[in-house]
C-alpha cells in the first residue's frame, strides 16, 4: 500500500478495513449530532476525507490485483490425462 502524507491531525490515516469501519461509524455518529461545534465539524470533514482516500486506494489495489491474475486457460487436475492415483492402465 502506498504511503500518504500526514493529514491535518484531526483524523488518523485509515490503513485497514477495520479502521475504515470504525471511522465510518464515528463519522455517522458525528453527522447525526445537530449541535456540532467547529472542532467536531473539522473532525467530521477530516474523517470523510480519509474515508474517501481509503476508498480510492482500495479501488486502485483491486484494479492492480485484477491485472496480476492469471489469464491463461483454467485447468483441472484431471485434465493431465492420469487418474491421479499414480497407476497407468496401459
N, C-alpha and C. Protein backbone atom coordinates (compact mmCIF):
# COMPACT_ATOMS: atom_id res chain seq x y z
N UNK A 1 0.84 -1.16 0.00
CA UNK A 1 0.00 0.00 0.00
C UNK A 1 0.89 1.23 0.00
N UNK A 2 0.65 2.18 -0.90
CA UNK A 2 1.49 3.37 -0.95
C UNK A 2 1.27 4.26 0.27
N UNK A 3 2.34 4.92 0.68
CA UNK A 3 2.24 5.80 1.85
C UNK A 3 1.68 7.15 1.43
N UNK A 4 0.95 7.74 2.35
CA UNK A 4 0.40 9.07 2.12
C UNK A 4 0.97 10.03 3.15
N UNK A 5 0.92 11.30 2.82
CA UNK A 5 1.40 12.31 3.75
C UNK A 5 0.44 12.48 4.91
N UNK A 6 0.92 13.11 5.94
CA UNK A 6 0.11 13.33 7.14
C UNK A 6 -0.99 14.34 6.83
N UNK A 7 -2.19 14.05 7.33
CA UNK A 7 -3.31 14.97 7.12
C UNK A 7 -3.27 16.06 8.16
N UNK A 8 -4.36 16.76 8.35
CA UNK A 8 -4.39 17.92 9.22
C UNK A 8 -4.40 17.59 10.71
N UNK A 9 -4.32 16.33 11.11
CA UNK A 9 -4.22 15.98 12.51
C UNK A 9 -5.52 15.71 13.21
N UNK A 10 -6.66 15.93 12.56
CA UNK A 10 -7.94 15.68 13.19
C UNK A 10 -8.38 14.22 13.04
N UNK A 11 -7.85 13.53 12.06
CA UNK A 11 -8.22 12.13 11.83
C UNK A 11 -6.97 11.34 11.48
N UNK A 12 -6.90 10.12 12.01
CA UNK A 12 -5.77 9.25 11.68
C UNK A 12 -5.93 8.71 10.26
N UNK A 13 -4.83 8.29 9.71
CA UNK A 13 -4.83 7.66 8.41
C UNK A 13 -5.53 6.30 8.51
N UNK A 14 -6.38 5.99 7.56
CA UNK A 14 -7.10 4.72 7.55
C UNK A 14 -6.28 3.74 6.72
N UNK A 15 -5.85 2.64 7.36
CA UNK A 15 -4.99 1.69 6.66
C UNK A 15 -5.60 0.30 6.52
N UNK A 16 -6.60 -0.03 7.33
CA UNK A 16 -7.19 -1.35 7.27
C UNK A 16 -8.71 -1.25 7.14
N UNK A 17 -9.32 -2.36 6.79
CA UNK A 17 -10.78 -2.40 6.69
C UNK A 17 -11.42 -2.12 8.05
N UNK A 18 -10.78 -2.59 9.12
CA UNK A 18 -11.31 -2.34 10.46
C UNK A 18 -11.28 -0.85 10.79
N UNK A 19 -10.17 -0.17 10.44
CA UNK A 19 -10.10 1.28 10.63
C UNK A 19 -11.22 1.98 9.86
N UNK A 20 -11.45 1.51 8.63
CA UNK A 20 -12.48 2.10 7.79
C UNK A 20 -13.86 1.98 8.42
N UNK A 21 -14.17 0.79 8.93
CA UNK A 21 -15.48 0.57 9.55
C UNK A 21 -15.65 1.42 10.80
N UNK A 22 -14.60 1.51 11.62
CA UNK A 22 -14.68 2.33 12.83
C UNK A 22 -14.79 3.81 12.50
N UNK A 23 -14.04 4.26 11.52
CA UNK A 23 -14.09 5.67 11.14
C UNK A 23 -15.46 6.03 10.56
N UNK A 24 -16.04 5.12 9.78
CA UNK A 24 -17.36 5.42 9.22
C UNK A 24 -18.43 5.45 10.32
N UNK A 25 -18.27 4.63 11.36
CA UNK A 25 -19.21 4.67 12.49
C UNK A 25 -19.10 6.00 13.22
N UNK A 26 -17.87 6.47 13.43
CA UNK A 26 -17.68 7.76 14.10
C UNK A 26 -18.22 8.90 13.23
N UNK A 27 -17.98 8.83 11.93
CA UNK A 27 -18.48 9.87 11.02
C UNK A 27 -20.01 9.90 11.03
N UNK A 28 -20.62 8.73 11.07
CA UNK A 28 -22.08 8.67 11.12
C UNK A 28 -22.60 9.28 12.41
N UNK A 29 -21.94 8.95 13.51
CA UNK A 29 -22.35 9.50 14.81
C UNK A 29 -22.21 11.02 14.82
N UNK A 30 -21.08 11.52 14.30
CA UNK A 30 -20.86 12.97 14.27
C UNK A 30 -21.87 13.67 13.35
N UNK A 31 -22.20 13.03 12.23
CA UNK A 31 -23.12 13.67 11.29
C UNK A 31 -24.54 13.73 11.85
N UNK A 32 -24.88 12.83 12.77
CA UNK A 32 -26.21 12.83 13.37
C UNK A 32 -26.35 13.84 14.50
N UNK A 33 -25.23 14.42 14.95
CA UNK A 33 -25.29 15.43 16.01
C UNK A 33 -25.77 16.75 15.42
N UNK A 34 -26.84 17.28 15.99
CA UNK A 34 -27.39 18.54 15.48
C UNK A 34 -26.57 19.75 15.95
N UNK A 35 -26.00 19.67 17.14
CA UNK A 35 -25.30 20.82 17.71
C UNK A 35 -23.79 20.60 17.71
N UNK A 36 -23.22 20.44 16.51
CA UNK A 36 -21.77 20.24 16.40
C UNK A 36 -21.05 21.57 16.57
N UNK A 37 -19.95 21.53 17.30
CA UNK A 37 -19.11 22.72 17.37
C UNK A 37 -18.12 22.69 16.19
N UNK A 38 -17.30 23.70 16.07
CA UNK A 38 -16.41 23.80 14.91
C UNK A 38 -15.35 22.69 14.92
N UNK A 39 -14.90 22.27 16.10
CA UNK A 39 -13.91 21.20 16.17
C UNK A 39 -14.52 19.88 15.69
N UNK A 40 -15.77 19.62 16.08
CA UNK A 40 -16.44 18.39 15.64
C UNK A 40 -16.67 18.43 14.13
N UNK A 41 -16.99 19.59 13.62
CA UNK A 41 -17.20 19.72 12.17
C UNK A 41 -15.89 19.49 11.41
N UNK A 42 -14.79 20.04 11.91
CA UNK A 42 -13.49 19.81 11.26
C UNK A 42 -13.11 18.34 11.32
N UNK A 43 -13.38 17.69 12.46
CA UNK A 43 -13.07 16.26 12.58
C UNK A 43 -13.92 15.44 11.62
N UNK A 44 -15.20 15.79 11.49
CA UNK A 44 -16.06 15.09 10.55
C UNK A 44 -15.55 15.24 9.13
N UNK A 45 -15.16 16.45 8.76
CA UNK A 45 -14.64 16.67 7.40
C UNK A 45 -13.34 15.89 7.18
N UNK A 46 -12.47 15.86 8.19
CA UNK A 46 -11.22 15.11 8.07
C UNK A 46 -11.49 13.61 7.95
N UNK A 47 -12.46 13.10 8.72
CA UNK A 47 -12.81 11.68 8.62
C UNK A 47 -13.36 11.35 7.23
N UNK A 48 -14.22 12.21 6.72
CA UNK A 48 -14.78 11.97 5.39
C UNK A 48 -13.70 11.99 4.32
N UNK A 49 -12.72 12.89 4.49
CA UNK A 49 -11.61 12.94 3.54
C UNK A 49 -10.79 11.65 3.60
N UNK A 50 -10.49 11.17 4.82
CA UNK A 50 -9.74 9.93 4.98
C UNK A 50 -10.51 8.73 4.42
N UNK A 51 -11.83 8.71 4.64
CA UNK A 51 -12.65 7.63 4.10
C UNK A 51 -12.60 7.61 2.58
N UNK A 52 -12.67 8.80 1.97
CA UNK A 52 -12.58 8.89 0.50
C UNK A 52 -11.22 8.42 0.00
N UNK A 53 -10.15 8.83 0.67
CA UNK A 53 -8.82 8.43 0.24
C UNK A 53 -8.63 6.92 0.36
N UNK A 54 -9.19 6.32 1.41
CA UNK A 54 -9.09 4.88 1.57
C UNK A 54 -9.86 4.17 0.45
N UNK A 55 -11.04 4.70 0.12
CA UNK A 55 -11.82 4.12 -0.98
C UNK A 55 -11.04 4.16 -2.28
N UNK A 56 -10.39 5.29 -2.55
CA UNK A 56 -9.60 5.41 -3.78
C UNK A 56 -8.44 4.42 -3.80
N UNK A 57 -7.73 4.29 -2.67
CA UNK A 57 -6.62 3.34 -2.60
C UNK A 57 -7.11 1.91 -2.76
N UNK A 58 -8.25 1.60 -2.15
CA UNK A 58 -8.80 0.24 -2.25
C UNK A 58 -9.20 -0.06 -3.70
N UNK A 59 -9.77 0.93 -4.40
CA UNK A 59 -10.13 0.74 -5.80
C UNK A 59 -8.89 0.50 -6.66
N UNK A 60 -7.82 1.27 -6.40
CA UNK A 60 -6.58 1.09 -7.16
C UNK A 60 -5.98 -0.29 -6.91
N UNK A 61 -6.03 -0.74 -5.66
CA UNK A 61 -5.48 -2.06 -5.34
C UNK A 61 -6.28 -3.17 -6.00
N UNK A 62 -7.60 -3.03 -6.04
CA UNK A 62 -8.40 -4.08 -6.67
C UNK A 62 -8.13 -4.13 -8.17
N UNK A 63 -7.88 -2.97 -8.79
CA UNK A 63 -7.52 -2.94 -10.21
C UNK A 63 -6.16 -3.60 -10.42
N UNK A 64 -5.21 -3.32 -9.52
CA UNK A 64 -3.88 -3.93 -9.62
C UNK A 64 -3.97 -5.44 -9.46
N UNK A 65 -4.77 -5.90 -8.51
CA UNK A 65 -4.92 -7.34 -8.30
C UNK A 65 -5.55 -7.99 -9.52
N UNK A 66 -6.50 -7.31 -10.16
CA UNK A 66 -7.14 -7.87 -11.34
C UNK A 66 -6.13 -8.01 -12.48
N UNK A 67 -5.18 -7.08 -12.57
CA UNK A 67 -4.15 -7.15 -13.60
C UNK A 67 -3.18 -8.29 -13.35
N UNK A 68 -2.97 -8.65 -12.10
CA UNK A 68 -1.99 -9.68 -11.76
C UNK A 68 -2.55 -11.10 -11.84
N UNK A 69 -3.85 -11.23 -11.97
CA UNK A 69 -4.44 -12.56 -12.03
C UNK A 69 -3.98 -13.31 -13.27
N UNK A 70 -3.93 -14.61 -13.16
CA UNK A 70 -3.56 -15.47 -14.27
C UNK A 70 -4.69 -15.45 -15.29
N UNK A 71 -4.38 -15.11 -16.53
CA UNK A 71 -5.41 -15.00 -17.55
C UNK A 71 -5.39 -16.17 -18.52
N UNK A 72 -4.57 -17.19 -18.25
CA UNK A 72 -4.49 -18.35 -19.12
C UNK A 72 -5.66 -19.28 -18.95
N UNK A 73 -5.62 -20.40 -19.65
CA UNK A 73 -6.75 -21.34 -19.55
C UNK A 73 -6.82 -21.98 -18.17
N UNK A 74 -8.03 -22.21 -17.72
CA UNK A 74 -8.26 -22.86 -16.44
C UNK A 74 -8.18 -24.37 -16.64
N UNK A 75 -7.43 -25.05 -15.80
CA UNK A 75 -7.27 -26.49 -15.94
C UNK A 75 -7.56 -27.18 -14.63
N UNK A 76 -8.04 -28.39 -14.71
CA UNK A 76 -8.27 -29.22 -13.53
C UNK A 76 -7.18 -30.27 -13.47
N UNK A 77 -6.99 -30.85 -12.29
CA UNK A 77 -6.00 -31.90 -12.14
C UNK A 77 -6.31 -33.07 -13.06
N UNK A 78 -7.58 -33.32 -13.31
CA UNK A 78 -7.96 -34.46 -14.15
C UNK A 78 -7.66 -34.23 -15.62
N UNK A 79 -7.32 -33.00 -16.01
CA UNK A 79 -7.02 -32.68 -17.40
C UNK A 79 -5.65 -33.18 -17.83
N UNK A 80 -4.82 -33.65 -16.92
CA UNK A 80 -3.47 -34.04 -17.29
C UNK A 80 -3.39 -35.45 -17.86
N UNK A 81 -4.51 -36.17 -17.95
CA UNK A 81 -4.52 -37.48 -18.59
C UNK A 81 -4.35 -38.64 -17.65
N UNK A 82 -3.99 -38.41 -16.40
CA UNK A 82 -3.87 -39.52 -15.45
C UNK A 82 -5.04 -39.48 -14.51
N UNK A 83 -5.27 -40.57 -13.82
CA UNK A 83 -6.39 -40.63 -12.89
C UNK A 83 -6.05 -40.07 -11.52
N UNK A 84 -4.81 -39.68 -11.31
CA UNK A 84 -4.41 -39.02 -10.08
C UNK A 84 -3.91 -39.95 -9.00
N UNK A 85 -4.04 -41.28 -9.16
CA UNK A 85 -3.56 -42.17 -8.13
C UNK A 85 -2.23 -42.80 -8.46
N UNK A 86 -1.62 -42.41 -9.57
CA UNK A 86 -0.30 -42.86 -9.91
C UNK A 86 -0.24 -44.15 -10.70
N UNK A 87 -1.37 -44.76 -10.99
CA UNK A 87 -1.37 -46.01 -11.75
C UNK A 87 -1.81 -45.75 -13.18
N UNK A 88 -1.13 -46.40 -14.12
CA UNK A 88 -1.49 -46.30 -15.53
C UNK A 88 -2.26 -47.54 -15.94
N UNK A 89 -3.21 -47.37 -16.83
CA UNK A 89 -3.99 -48.51 -17.32
C UNK A 89 -3.44 -49.02 -18.64
N UNK A 90 -2.15 -48.87 -18.92
CA UNK A 90 -1.59 -49.32 -20.18
C UNK A 90 -1.05 -50.71 -20.14
